[in-house]
C-alpha atoms as a PDB file:
ATOM      1  CA  MET A   1     106.291  92.531 122.632  1.00  0.00           C
ATOM      2  CA  LYS A   2     103.616  90.195 121.207  1.00  0.00           C
ATOM      3  CA  ALA A   3     102.399  92.957 118.908  1.00  0.00           C
ATOM      4  CA  PHE A   4     105.959  93.650 117.753  1.00  0.00           C
ATOM      5  CA  ILE A   5     106.653  89.971 117.012  1.00  0.00           C
ATOM      6  CA  ALA A   6     103.338  89.579 115.193  1.00  0.00           C
ATOM      7  CA  ALA A   7     104.017  92.679 113.112  1.00  0.00           C
ATOM      8  CA  CYS A   8     107.434  91.352 112.122  1.00  0.00           C
ATOM      9  CA  LEU A   9     105.966  87.981 111.180  1.00  0.00           C
ATOM     10  CA  ALA A  10     103.194  89.665 109.217  1.00  0.00           C
ATOM     11  CA  THR A  11     105.766  91.661 107.291  1.00  0.00           C
ATOM     12  CA  ALA A  12     107.806  88.556 106.539  1.00  0.00           C
ATOM     13  CA  ALA A  13     104.716  86.685 105.367  1.00  0.00           C
ATOM     14  CA  TYR A  14     104.222  88.930 102.386  1.00  0.00           C
ATOM     15  CA  SER A  15     107.287  87.461 100.725  1.00  0.00           C
ATOM     16  CA  PHE A  16     105.338  84.204 100.405  1.00  0.00           C
ATOM     17  CA  GLU A  17     102.393  85.795  98.565  1.00  0.00           C
ATOM     18  CA  MET A  18     102.760  84.419  95.034  1.00  0.00           C
ATOM     19  CA  LEU A  19      99.716  85.376  93.013  1.00  0.00           C
ATOM     20  CA  ALA A  20      98.754  84.578  89.447  1.00  0.00           C
ATOM     21  CA  PRO A  21      98.957  87.721  87.288  1.00  0.00           C
ATOM     22  CA  VAL A  22      95.788  89.380  86.096  1.00  0.00           C
ATOM     23  CA  THR A  23      96.103  89.809  82.351  1.00  0.00           C
ATOM     24  CA  ASP A  24      92.546  90.402  81.155  1.00  0.00           C
ATOM     25  CA  GLY A  25      92.848  94.192  81.238  1.00  0.00           C
ATOM     26  CA  ASN A  26      91.007  94.645  77.951  1.00  0.00           C
ATOM     27  CA  GLY A  27      88.436  91.904  78.350  1.00  0.00           C
ATOM     28  CA  SER A  28      84.948  91.708  79.801  1.00  0.00           C
ATOM     29  CA  TRP A  29      85.067  90.981  83.493  1.00  0.00           C
ATOM     30  CA  SER A  30      82.465  89.085  85.503  1.00  0.00           C
ATOM     31  CA  LYS A  31      79.645  91.212  86.850  1.00  0.00           C
ATOM     32  CA  MET A  32      78.239  90.883  90.345  1.00  0.00           C
ATOM     33  CA  THR A  33      75.901  92.892  92.558  1.00  0.00           C
ATOM     34  CA  ILE A  34      76.443  94.314  96.017  1.00  0.00           C
ATOM     35  CA  THR A  35      74.169  96.552  98.077  1.00  0.00           C
ATOM     36  CA  GLU A  36      75.255 100.132  98.685  1.00  0.00           C
ATOM     37  CA  ASP A  37      73.149 102.282 101.028  1.00  0.00           C
ATOM     38  CA  GLY A  38      70.205  99.941 100.546  1.00  0.00           C
ATOM     39  CA  VAL A  39      70.341 100.003  96.740  1.00  0.00           C
ATOM     40  CA  PRO A  40      71.702  97.235  94.461  1.00  0.00           C
ATOM     41  CA  LYS A  41      74.936  98.239  92.733  1.00  0.00           C
ATOM     42  CA  ASP A  42      76.593  96.384  89.859  1.00  0.00           C
ATOM     43  CA  LEU A  43      80.356  95.988  89.968  1.00  0.00           C
ATOM     44  CA  TYR A  44      82.865  94.166  87.757  1.00  0.00           C
ATOM     45  CA  VAL A  45      85.415  91.731  89.170  1.00  0.00           C
ATOM     46  CA  ALA A  46      88.790  92.744  87.735  1.00  0.00           C
ATOM     47  CA  MET A  47      90.378  89.317  87.772  1.00  0.00           C
ATOM     48  CA  GLY A  48      91.775  87.177  84.994  1.00  0.00           C
ATOM     49  CA  THR A  49      89.818  84.081  86.029  1.00  0.00           C
ATOM     50  CA  SER A  50      86.591  84.622  87.941  1.00  0.00           C
ATOM     51  CA  GLU A  51      83.296  82.810  88.353  1.00  0.00           C
ATOM     52  CA  SER A  52      81.726  85.610  90.360  1.00  0.00           C
ATOM     53  CA  ASN A  53      78.082  86.359  89.589  1.00  0.00           C
ATOM     54  CA  GLY A  54      74.856  87.434  91.230  1.00  0.00           C
ATOM     55  CA  ASN A  55      75.632  88.381  94.840  1.00  0.00           C
ATOM     56  CA  THR A  56      78.673  86.095  95.083  1.00  0.00           C
ATOM     57  CA  LEU A  57      82.341  87.038  94.900  1.00  0.00           C
ATOM     58  CA  ASN A  58      84.281  83.856  94.058  1.00  0.00           C
ATOM     59  CA  ILE A  59      88.069  84.043  94.369  1.00  0.00           C
ATOM     60  CA  PRO A  60      89.940  81.066  92.869  1.00  0.00           C
ATOM     61  CA  PHE A  61      93.052  79.987  94.723  1.00  0.00           C
ATOM     62  CA  ASN A  62      96.264  81.902  93.979  1.00  0.00           C
ATOM     63  CA  ASN A  63      94.449  84.848  92.440  1.00  0.00           C
ATOM     64  CA  ARG A  64      94.013  88.513  93.272  1.00  0.00           C
ATOM     65  CA  GLY A  65      91.337  90.851  91.952  1.00  0.00           C
ATOM     66  CA  TYR A  66      89.568  94.177  92.460  1.00  0.00           C
ATOM     67  CA  TRP A  67      86.167  95.799  92.069  1.00  0.00           C
ATOM     68  CA  SER A  68      85.792  98.049  89.051  1.00  0.00           C
ATOM     69  CA  LEU A  69      82.959 100.333  87.942  1.00  0.00           C
ATOM     70  CA  THR A  70      83.707  99.387  84.316  1.00  0.00           C
ATOM     71  CA  PRO A  71      84.013  95.979  82.591  1.00  0.00           C
ATOM     72  CA  SER A  72      87.544  96.723  81.367  1.00  0.00           C
ATOM     73  CA  LEU A  73      90.640  98.360  82.769  1.00  0.00           C
ATOM     74  CA  ASP A  74      90.563 102.029  83.730  1.00  0.00           C
ATOM     75  CA  PRO A  75      92.851 103.028  86.638  1.00  0.00           C
ATOM     76  CA  ASN A  76      90.417 105.802  87.597  1.00  0.00           C
ATOM     77  CA  GLN A  77      87.357 103.542  87.789  1.00  0.00           C
ATOM     78  CA  PHE A  78      88.055 101.253  90.733  1.00  0.00           C
ATOM     79  CA  TYR A  79      85.149 101.176  93.198  1.00  0.00           C
ATOM     80  CA  LYS A  80      86.188 103.482  96.067  1.00  0.00           C
ATOM     81  CA  PRO A  81      83.329 104.521  98.401  1.00  0.00           C
ATOM     82  CA  ASN A  82      83.764 106.811 101.387  1.00  0.00           C
ATOM     83  CA  LEU A  83      83.507 104.528 104.423  1.00  0.00           C
ATOM     84  CA  LEU A  84      84.292 107.031 107.184  1.00  0.00           C
ATOM     85  CA  GLY A  85      81.454 106.479 109.634  1.00  0.00           C
ATOM     86  CA  GLY A  86      80.086 103.612 107.517  1.00  0.00           C
ATOM     87  CA  TYR A  87      80.478  99.839 107.475  1.00  0.00           C
ATOM     88  CA  VAL A  88      81.066  96.755 105.340  1.00  0.00           C
ATOM     89  CA  GLU A  89      79.272  93.489 106.008  1.00  0.00           C
ATOM     90  CA  TYR A  90      79.193  90.155 104.191  1.00  0.00           C
ATOM     91  CA  ASP A  91      78.789  86.396 104.505  1.00  0.00           C
ATOM     92  CA  VAL A  92      82.007  84.431 104.101  1.00  0.00           C
ATOM     93  CA  ASP A  93      82.599  80.742 103.344  1.00  0.00           C
ATOM     94  CA  LEU A  94      85.995  79.551 104.616  1.00  0.00           C
ATOM     95  CA  SER A  95      85.112  75.847 104.437  1.00  0.00           C
ATOM     96  CA  GLN A  96      87.992  75.242 102.009  1.00  0.00           C
ATOM     97  CA  SER A  97      90.459  77.547 103.789  1.00  0.00           C
ATOM     98  CA  ASN A  98      92.415  75.169 106.022  1.00  0.00           C
ATOM     99  CA  CYS A  99      95.497  76.108 108.049  1.00  0.00           C
ATOM    100  CA  GLY A 100      98.044  77.336 105.510  1.00  0.00           C
ATOM    101  CA  CYS A 101      95.476  79.294 103.488  1.00  0.00           C
ATOM    102  CA  VAL A 102      95.064  83.071 103.633  1.00  0.00           C
ATOM    103  CA  ALA A 103      91.712  84.494 102.558  1.00  0.00           C
ATOM    104  CA  ALA A 104      92.151  88.237 102.116  1.00  0.00           C
ATOM    105  CA  PHE A 105      89.497  90.935 101.694  1.00  0.00           C
ATOM    106  CA  TYR A 106      90.950  94.424 102.006  1.00  0.00           C
ATOM    107  CA  MET A 107      91.298  97.993 100.701  1.00  0.00           C
ATOM    108  CA  VAL A 108      94.241  99.844  99.175  1.00  0.00           C
ATOM    109  CA  SER A 109      94.700 103.366  97.823  1.00  0.00           C
ATOM    110  CA  MET A 110      94.953 102.340  94.176  1.00  0.00           C
ATOM    111  CA  PRO A 111      96.064 103.244  91.589  1.00  0.00           C
ATOM    112  CA  GLY A 112      99.715 103.174  92.568  1.00  0.00           C
ATOM    113  CA  LYS A 113     101.815 106.127  91.456  1.00  0.00           C
ATOM    114  CA  ASN A 114     105.516 106.425  90.752  1.00  0.00           C
ATOM    115  CA  SER A 115     107.805 109.134  92.113  1.00  0.00           C
ATOM    116  CA  ALA A 116     106.818 111.436  89.238  1.00  0.00           C
ATOM    117  CA  GLY A 117     103.177 111.240  90.348  1.00  0.00           C
ATOM    118  CA  GLN A 118     102.102 109.162  87.339  1.00  0.00           C
ATOM    119  CA  VAL A 119      99.873 106.099  87.648  1.00  0.00           C
ATOM    120  CA  GLU A 120     102.040 103.050  87.087  1.00  0.00           C
ATOM    121  CA  PRO A 121     101.031  99.501  86.110  1.00  0.00           C
ATOM    122  CA  SER A 122     101.960  96.925  88.758  1.00  0.00           C
ATOM    123  CA  GLU A 123     103.281  93.402  88.298  1.00  0.00           C
ATOM    124  CA  ASP A 124      99.744  92.301  87.401  1.00  0.00           C
ATOM    125  CA  ASN A 125      99.219  95.313  85.079  1.00  0.00           C
ATOM    126  CA  MET A 126      96.377  96.523  87.310  1.00  0.00           C
ATOM    127  CA  TYR A 127      98.015  99.529  89.072  1.00  0.00           C
ATOM    128  CA  TYR A 128      98.083  97.632  92.353  1.00  0.00           C
ATOM    129  CA  CYS A 129      99.867  99.014  95.411  1.00  0.00           C
ATOM    130  CA  ASP A 130      99.859  98.205  99.109  1.00  0.00           C
ATOM    131  CA  ALA A 131     101.637  98.869 102.397  1.00  0.00           C
ATOM    132  CA  ASN A 132     104.323  96.275 101.632  1.00  0.00           C
ATOM    133  CA  GLN A 133     105.139  97.497  98.113  1.00  0.00           C
ATOM    134  CA  VAL A 134     104.005  94.144  96.662  1.00  0.00           C
ATOM    135  CA  GLY A 135     102.820  95.695  93.411  1.00  0.00           C
ATOM    136  CA  GLY A 136     105.840  97.949  92.960  1.00  0.00           C
ATOM    137  CA  ASN A 137     104.510 101.003  94.814  1.00  0.00           C
ATOM    138  CA  TYR A 138     103.615 101.711  98.420  1.00  0.00           C
ATOM    139  CA  CYS A 139     100.147 102.967  99.411  1.00  0.00           C
ATOM    140  CA  PRO A 140      97.844 102.854 102.469  1.00  0.00           C
ATOM    141  CA  GLU A 141      96.142  99.521 103.133  1.00  0.00           C
ATOM    142  CA  PHE A 142      93.306  98.405 105.381  1.00  0.00           C
ATOM    143  CA  ASP A 143      92.961  94.640 105.808  1.00  0.00           C
ATOM    144  CA  ILE A 144      89.284  94.016 106.469  1.00  0.00           C
ATOM    145  CA  MET A 145      89.905  90.288 106.827  1.00  0.00           C
ATOM    146  CA  GLU A 146      92.938  88.034 106.522  1.00  0.00           C
ATOM    147  CA  ALA A 147      91.673  84.658 107.640  1.00  0.00           C
ATOM    148  CA  ASN A 148      91.328  80.918 107.474  1.00  0.00           C
ATOM    149  CA  GLN A 149      89.367  78.405 109.542  1.00  0.00           C
ATOM    150  CA  TRP A 150      91.565  78.942 112.608  1.00  0.00           C
ATOM    151  CA  THR A 151      91.964  82.685 112.898  1.00  0.00           C
ATOM    152  CA  ALA A 152      91.003  86.052 111.419  1.00  0.00           C
ATOM    153  CA  GLN A 153      92.768  89.397 111.614  1.00  0.00           C
ATOM    154  CA  THR A 154      91.918  93.014 110.773  1.00  0.00           C
ATOM    155  CA  THR A 155      94.856  95.412 110.305  1.00  0.00           C
ATOM    156  CA  PRO A 156      95.201  99.086 109.312  1.00  0.00           C
ATOM    157  CA  HIS A 157      98.442 100.154 107.601  1.00  0.00           C
ATOM    158  CA  SER A 158      99.035 103.900 107.362  1.00  0.00           C
ATOM    159  CA  CYS A 159     101.711 105.584 105.247  1.00  0.00           C
ATOM    160  CA  ASP A 160     103.787 108.733 105.425  1.00  0.00           C
ATOM    161  CA  SER A 161     102.399 111.780 103.616  1.00  0.00           C
ATOM    162  CA  PRO A 162     102.697 111.302  99.839  1.00  0.00           C
ATOM    163  CA  SER A 163     104.657 113.443  97.402  1.00  0.00           C
ATOM    164  CA  ASN A 164     102.830 113.888  94.082  1.00  0.00           C
ATOM    165  CA  GLY A 165     100.623 110.995  95.125  1.00  0.00           C
ATOM    166  CA  HIS A 166     103.655 108.706  95.580  1.00  0.00           C
ATOM    167  CA  TYR A 167     104.299 107.066  98.949  1.00  0.00           C
ATOM    168  CA  TRP A 168     107.870 106.471 100.086  1.00  0.00           C
ATOM    169  CA  ASN A 169     107.159 104.536 103.269  1.00  0.00           C
ATOM    170  CA  CYS A 170     104.298 102.713 105.008  1.00  0.00           C
ATOM    171  CA  ASN A 171     103.740 100.883 108.274  1.00  0.00           C
ATOM    172  CA  ARG A 172     104.352  97.430 106.853  1.00  0.00           C
ATOM    173  CA  GLY A 173     103.355  95.514 109.983  1.00  0.00           C
ATOM    174  CA  GLY A 174     100.348  97.717 110.672  1.00  0.00           C
ATOM    175  CA  GLY A 175      99.023  98.946 113.990  1.00  0.00           C
ATOM    176  CA  CYS A 176      96.070  98.323 116.330  1.00  0.00           C
ATOM    177  CA  TRP A 177      95.554  94.965 114.650  1.00  0.00           C
ATOM    178  CA  GLN A 178      92.816  92.717 116.009  1.00  0.00           C
ATOM    179  CA  ASN A 179      93.263  88.947 115.773  1.00  0.00           C
ATOM    180  CA  THR A 180      90.844  86.307 117.019  1.00  0.00           C
ATOM    181  CA  LYS A 181      93.715  84.272 118.482  1.00  0.00           C
ATOM    182  CA  ASN A 182      94.611  87.174 120.791  1.00  0.00           C
ATOM    183  CA  GLN A 183      91.353  89.036 121.410  1.00  0.00           C
ATOM    184  CA  LEU A 184      88.845  86.176 121.673  1.00  0.00           C
ATOM    185  CA  SER A 185      88.508  83.030 123.757  1.00  0.00           C
ATOM    186  CA  TYR A 186      89.866  79.853 122.198  1.00  0.00           C
ATOM    187  CA  ASN A 187      86.410  78.398 121.564  1.00  0.00           C
ATOM    188  CA  ASP A 188      84.985  81.578 120.014  1.00  0.00           C
ATOM    189  CA  TYR A 189      86.300  80.970 116.484  1.00  0.00           C
ATOM    190  CA  GLY A 190      87.418  77.785 114.737  1.00  0.00           C
ATOM    191  CA  PRO A 191      86.470  74.688 112.720  1.00  0.00           C
ATOM    192  CA  GLY A 192      83.787  72.529 114.348  1.00  0.00           C
ATOM    193  CA  ASP A 193      80.564  72.641 116.335  1.00  0.00           C
ATOM    194  CA  GLN A 194      82.500  73.182 119.570  1.00  0.00           C
ATOM    195  CA  PHE A 195      83.306  76.722 118.404  1.00  0.00           C
ATOM    196  CA  LYS A 196      80.866  79.612 118.765  1.00  0.00           C
ATOM    197  CA  ILE A 197      81.687  80.633 115.187  1.00  0.00           C
ATOM    198  CA  ASN A 198      82.059  77.342 113.313  1.00  0.00           C
ATOM    199  CA  THR A 199      84.239  78.152 110.316  1.00  0.00           C
ATOM    200  CA  TYR A 200      83.282  74.956 108.528  1.00  0.00           C
ATOM    201  CA  LYS A 201      80.027  76.819 107.894  1.00  0.00           C
ATOM    202  CA  THR A 202      79.248  80.207 106.376  1.00  0.00           C
ATOM    203  CA  PHE A 203      79.205  83.054 108.900  1.00  0.00           C
ATOM    204  CA  HIS A 204      78.465  86.778 108.826  1.00  0.00           C
ATOM    205  CA  ALA A 205      81.072  89.503 109.291  1.00  0.00           C
ATOM    206  CA  LYS A 206      80.647  93.229 109.836  1.00  0.00           C
ATOM    207  CA  LEU A 207      83.313  95.915 110.104  1.00  0.00           C
ATOM    208  CA  ASP A 208      82.363  99.345 111.454  1.00  0.00           C
ATOM    209  CA  PHE A 209      84.551 102.355 110.580  1.00  0.00           C
ATOM    210  CA  ASN A 210      83.846 104.432 113.679  1.00  0.00           C
ATOM    211  CA  SER A 211      84.152 108.174 113.266  1.00  0.00           C
ATOM    212  CA  ASN A 212      83.779 111.278 115.380  1.00  0.00           C
ATOM    213  CA  GLY A 213      85.073 113.539 112.645  1.00  0.00           C
ATOM    214  CA  GLN A 214      88.121 111.311 112.193  1.00  0.00           C
ATOM    215  CA  PHE A 215      88.670 107.553 111.847  1.00  0.00           C
ATOM    216  CA  ASP A 216      88.820 106.922 115.581  1.00  0.00           C
ATOM    217  CA  SER A 217      88.503 103.139 115.743  1.00  0.00           C
ATOM    218  CA  PHE A 218      87.010 100.041 114.156  1.00  0.00           C
ATOM    219  CA  LYS A 219      84.912  97.147 115.391  1.00  0.00           C
ATOM    220  CA  ILE A 220      84.624  93.661 113.876  1.00  0.00           C
ATOM    221  CA  THR A 221      81.652  91.426 114.637  1.00  0.00           C
ATOM    222  CA  TYR A 222      81.309  87.791 113.526  1.00  0.00           C
ATOM    223  CA  SER A 223      77.908  86.131 113.901  1.00  0.00           C
ATOM    224  CA  GLN A 224      76.336  82.746 113.155  1.00  0.00           C
ATOM    225  CA  ASP A 225      73.113  81.023 114.207  1.00  0.00           C
ATOM    226  CA  GLY A 226      72.205  83.703 116.744  1.00  0.00           C
ATOM    227  CA  LYS A 227      75.676  83.792 118.338  1.00  0.00           C
ATOM    228  CA  SER A 228      78.223  86.564 117.916  1.00  0.00           C
ATOM    229  CA  VAL A 229      81.724  87.610 118.924  1.00  0.00           C
ATOM    230  CA  SER A 230      83.406  90.976 118.426  1.00  0.00           C
ATOM    231  CA  MET A 231      86.743  92.763 118.568  1.00  0.00           C
ATOM    232  CA  ASP A 232      87.132  96.521 119.033  1.00  0.00           C
ATOM    233  CA  SER A 233      90.355  98.400 118.357  1.00  0.00           C
ATOM    234  CA  GLY A 234      89.475 101.219 120.741  1.00  0.00           C
ATOM    235  CA  TYR A 235      91.135 104.590 120.176  1.00  0.00           C
ATOM    236  CA  CYS A 236      93.726 103.936 117.490  1.00  0.00           C
ATOM    237  CA  GLN A 237      96.370 106.343 116.195  1.00  0.00           C
ATOM    238  CA  GLU A 238      96.936 104.128 113.149  1.00  0.00           C
ATOM    239  CA  THR A 239      93.338 104.597 111.997  1.00  0.00           C
ATOM    240  CA  ILE A 240      93.396 108.317 112.793  1.00  0.00           C
ATOM    241  CA  ASN A 241      96.377 108.553 110.455  1.00  0.00           C
ATOM    242  CA  MET A 242      94.178 106.936 107.767  1.00  0.00           C
ATOM    243  CA  THR A 243      91.227 109.331 108.119  1.00  0.00           C
ATOM    244  CA  ASN A 244      91.712 111.002 104.748  1.00  0.00           C
ATOM    245  CA  ASP A 245      92.456 107.694 103.009  1.00  0.00           C
ATOM    246  CA  VAL A 246      89.164 106.158 104.142  1.00  0.00           C
ATOM    247  CA  ARG A 247      87.157 109.346 103.555  1.00  0.00           C
ATOM    248  CA  ASN A 248      88.580 109.847 100.046  1.00  0.00           C
ATOM    249  CA  GLY A 249      87.918 106.212  99.146  1.00  0.00           C
ATOM    250  CA  MET A 250      90.126 103.139  98.855  1.00  0.00           C
ATOM    251  CA  ALA A 251      89.822 100.412  96.223  1.00  0.00           C
ATOM    252  CA  PHE A 252      88.686  96.946  97.297  1.00  0.00           C
ATOM    253  CA  ALA A 253      91.069  94.063  96.686  1.00  0.00           C
ATOM    254  CA  PHE A 254      90.686  90.361  97.403  1.00  0.00           C
ATOM    255  CA  SER A 255      93.025  87.415  97.135  1.00  0.00           C
ATOM    256  CA  SER A 256      93.448  83.754  98.042  1.00  0.00           C
ATOM    257  CA  TRP A 257      96.961  82.492  98.725  1.00  0.00           C
ATOM    258  CA  SER A 258      98.986  80.275 101.034  1.00  0.00           C
ATOM    259  CA  THR A 259     101.977  80.308 103.370  1.00  0.00           C
ATOM    260  CA  TYR A 260     103.655  78.045 105.908  1.00  0.00           C
ATOM    261  CA  ASP A 261     104.593  81.063 108.022  1.00  0.00           C
ATOM    262  CA  ASN A 262     102.438  81.207 111.163  1.00  0.00           C
ATOM    263  CA  TRP A 263     102.195  85.028 111.450  1.00  0.00           C
ATOM    264  CA  LEU A 264      98.393  84.823 111.114  1.00  0.00           C
ATOM    265  CA  TRP A 265      97.441  81.814 113.238  1.00  0.00           C
ATOM    266  CA  GLY A 266     100.329  81.512 115.697  1.00  0.00           C
ATOM    267  CA  ASP A 267     100.135  78.173 117.520  1.00  0.00           C
ATOM    268  CA  ARG A 268      96.444  77.642 116.806  1.00  0.00           C
ATOM    269  CA  CYS A 269      97.186  75.132 114.049  1.00  0.00           C
ATOM    270  CA  GLN A 270      99.909  73.539 111.928  1.00  0.00           C
ATOM    271  CA  ALA A 271     100.086  74.733 108.317  1.00  0.00           C
ATOM    272  CA  SER A 272      99.538  72.232 105.511  1.00  0.00           C
ATOM    273  CA  ASN A 273      98.928  72.485 101.775  1.00  0.00           C
ATOM    274  CA  CYS A 274      96.098  74.920 101.111  1.00  0.00           C
ATOM    275  CA  ASN A 275      92.993  73.178  99.744  1.00  0.00           C
ATOM    276  CA  SER A 276      91.061  76.344  98.923  1.00  0.00           C
ATOM    277  CA  HIS A 277      89.964  75.899  95.326  1.00  0.00           C
ATOM    278  CA  ASN A 278      87.373  78.640  95.793  1.00  0.00           C
ATOM    279  CA  LEU A 279      86.756  81.373  98.358  1.00  0.00           C
ATOM    280  CA  TYR A 280      83.260  82.826  98.593  1.00  0.00           C
ATOM    281  CA  PHE A 281      82.034  86.199  99.868  1.00  0.00           C
ATOM    282  CA  ARG A 282      78.277  86.712  99.491  1.00  0.00           C
ATOM    283  CA  ASN A 283      75.533  89.240 100.293  1.00  0.00           C
ATOM    284  CA  ILE A 284      77.983  92.127 100.500  1.00  0.00           C
ATOM    285  CA  ASN A 285      76.394  95.226 101.985  1.00  0.00           C
ATOM    286  CA  ILE A 286      78.120  98.596 102.218  1.00  0.00           C
ATOM    287  CA  LYS A 287      76.937 101.627 104.147  1.00  0.00           C
ATOM    288  CA  THR A 288      78.845 104.661 102.987  1.00  0.00           C
ATOM    289  CA  GLY A 289      79.934 107.366 105.376  1.00  0.00           C
ATOM    290  CA  GLY A 290      79.718 111.060 104.872  1.00  0.00           C
ATOM    291  CA  SER A 291      81.479 112.066 108.015  1.00  0.00           C
ATOM    292  CA  SER A 292      83.923 114.893 107.506  1.00  0.00           C
ATOM    293  CA  PRO A 293      86.723 115.930 109.837  1.00  0.00           C
ATOM    294  CA  ASN A 294      85.877 118.684 112.285  1.00  0.00           C
ATOM    295  CA  PRO A 295      86.994 122.062 110.947  1.00  0.00           C
ATOM    296  CA  PRO A 296      90.466 123.021 112.155  1.00  0.00           C
ATOM    297  CA  ASN A 297      90.566 125.235 115.187  1.00  0.00           C
ATOM    298  CA  PRO A 298      91.563 128.825 114.463  1.00  0.00           C
ATOM    299  CA  PRO A 299      94.965 129.991 115.700  1.00  0.00           C
ATOM    300  CA  THR A 300      95.075 130.032 119.463  1.00  0.00           C
ATOM    301  CA  PRO A 301      94.425 133.563 120.805  1.00  0.00           C
ATOM    302  CA  GLY A 302      96.941 134.969 123.219  1.00  0.00           C
ATOM    303  CA  ASN A 303     100.660 135.606 123.376  1.00  0.00           C
ATOM    304  CA  TYR A 304     102.414 132.257 122.914  1.00  0.00           C
ATOM    305  CA  SER A 305     105.780 131.042 121.744  1.00  0.00           C
ATOM    306  CA  PHE A 306     105.727 128.011 119.449  1.00  0.00           C
ATOM    307  CA  GLY A 307     108.186 125.152 119.039  1.00  0.00           C
ATOM    308  CA  ASP A 308     108.208 121.863 117.157  1.00  0.00           C
ATOM    309  CA  SER A 309     105.188 120.262 115.539  1.00  0.00           C
ATOM    310  CA  CYS A 310     103.189 117.956 117.766  1.00  0.00           C
ATOM    311  CA  ALA A 311     102.908 114.241 117.002  1.00  0.00           C
ATOM    312  CA  THR A 312      99.468 114.567 115.417  1.00  0.00           C
ATOM    313  CA  PRO A 313      97.159 117.429 114.363  1.00  0.00           C
ATOM    314  CA  TYR A 314      94.757 116.367 117.151  1.00  0.00           C
ATOM    315  CA  ASP A 315      96.924 116.597 120.276  1.00  0.00           C
ATOM    316  CA  ASP A 316      95.748 118.657 123.292  1.00  0.00           C
ATOM    317  CA  ASP A 317      93.874 121.766 122.050  1.00  0.00           C
ATOM    318  CA  CYS A 318      94.381 121.037 118.356  1.00  0.00           C
ATOM    319  CA  ASN A 319      91.703 119.642 116.077  1.00  0.00           C
ATOM    320  CA  GLY A 320      93.245 119.087 112.670  1.00  0.00           C
ATOM    321  CA  CYS A 321      95.098 122.417 112.572  1.00  0.00           C
ATOM    322  CA  ASN A 322      98.776 123.341 112.219  1.00  0.00           C
ATOM    323  CA  CYS A 323      99.537 121.915 115.647  1.00  0.00           C
ATOM    324  CA  HIS A 324     102.711 122.904 117.550  1.00  0.00           C
ATOM    325  CA  TRP A 325     104.078 122.665 121.085  1.00  0.00           C
ATOM    326  CA  SER A 326     103.540 126.084 122.682  1.00  0.00           C
ATOM    327  CA  TRP A 327     103.885 127.975 125.926  1.00  0.00           C
ATOM    328  CA  PRO A 328     103.041 131.481 127.229  1.00  0.00           C
ATOM    329  CA  SER A 329     105.686 133.885 125.956  1.00  0.00           C
ATOM    330  CA  ASN A 330     106.587 134.972 129.477  1.00  0.00           C
ATOM    331  CA  GLU A 331     107.194 131.353 130.541  1.00  0.00           C
ATOM    332  CA  SER A 332     109.472 128.500 129.408  1.00  0.00           C
ATOM    333  CA  TRP A 333     108.884 125.571 127.044  1.00  0.00           C
ATOM    334  CA  ASN A 334     108.389 123.187 130.002  1.00  0.00           C
ATOM    335  CA  SER A 335     105.890 125.414 131.793  1.00  0.00           C
ATOM    336  CA  PRO A 336     102.831 123.717 133.352  1.00  0.00           C
ATOM    337  CA  ASN A 337     100.843 125.807 130.843  1.00  0.00           C
ATOM    338  CA  ALA A 338     102.716 124.410 127.858  1.00  0.00           C
ATOM    339  CA  LYS A 339     100.727 122.187 125.509  1.00  0.00           C
ATOM    340  CA  CYS A 340      99.914 121.583 121.833  1.00  0.00           C
ATOM    341  CA  ARG A 341      97.998 124.490 120.301  1.00  0.00           C
ATOM    342  CA  CYS A 342      96.974 125.707 116.863  1.00  0.00           C
ATOM    343  CA  MET A 343      99.650 127.934 115.393  1.00  0.00           C
END
């Protein structure tokens, strides 16, 4: 029930996300450097107003931006590494992000496409899309961090299979979400020296995209001054549904906004005016994946009758194949030998 209520509140919160439009599509965006697989990599911050430089991503309040491989707009040049089996880590400064602020660092399957399969400019002219159709089009979304000084949450949002690259429906509330207010002890994360992770100070975050041929689970670790806390999704159907999205690459997005809705922090704090003039992510390090799904099992040998499709391509004896409920032909559909098999 808690998860259902939180998902509903999270969905409602998106209506409060009022972001300044990005209009500098033909200009020269700020350049910054991350580390990818141990090698420095230059990226451009696709944002109308940005002071990002060096190894620092600076997100002014009420703005949203993206990482681009080029200094001007090209919907096919957003930075989209394969993270299946990899990780993302960074230092984050939430010292200005009081209760009421939302610091967001996440991934979406940009560029958004319309029902004809054509890339379509969003309300900020940047081809944005997400799991709540904020930019005009749905697409898969993985929230690496939605946070302020009182709480932090990681949430995967899968979508139904696309048609011509266009998504008609997504899991708006997400699934298998991990929130510090639910998964950690009260004194593990918060503003002040009494907390293990003191959010008045910069701390380190790492997100592992665990894979055993598919996106099985994720783990978030926050560390500071030799202390650490972690949250692990465990086996997660929502992430399994996003295996191809993560393997094929999702664009990075980041934003700083505010809301009085408590979907993120619950009763941990009382929202007030957001004082976050700047939001800093530094020393960003990405380890790409390379994990590929296990090859589909061949059709199951033997004489079987087949019925409806199973819930996922990985149920019972299936491993990414055309998976259907089946039973020996000389038995019934509810036989003890009935199970999901490759068709």
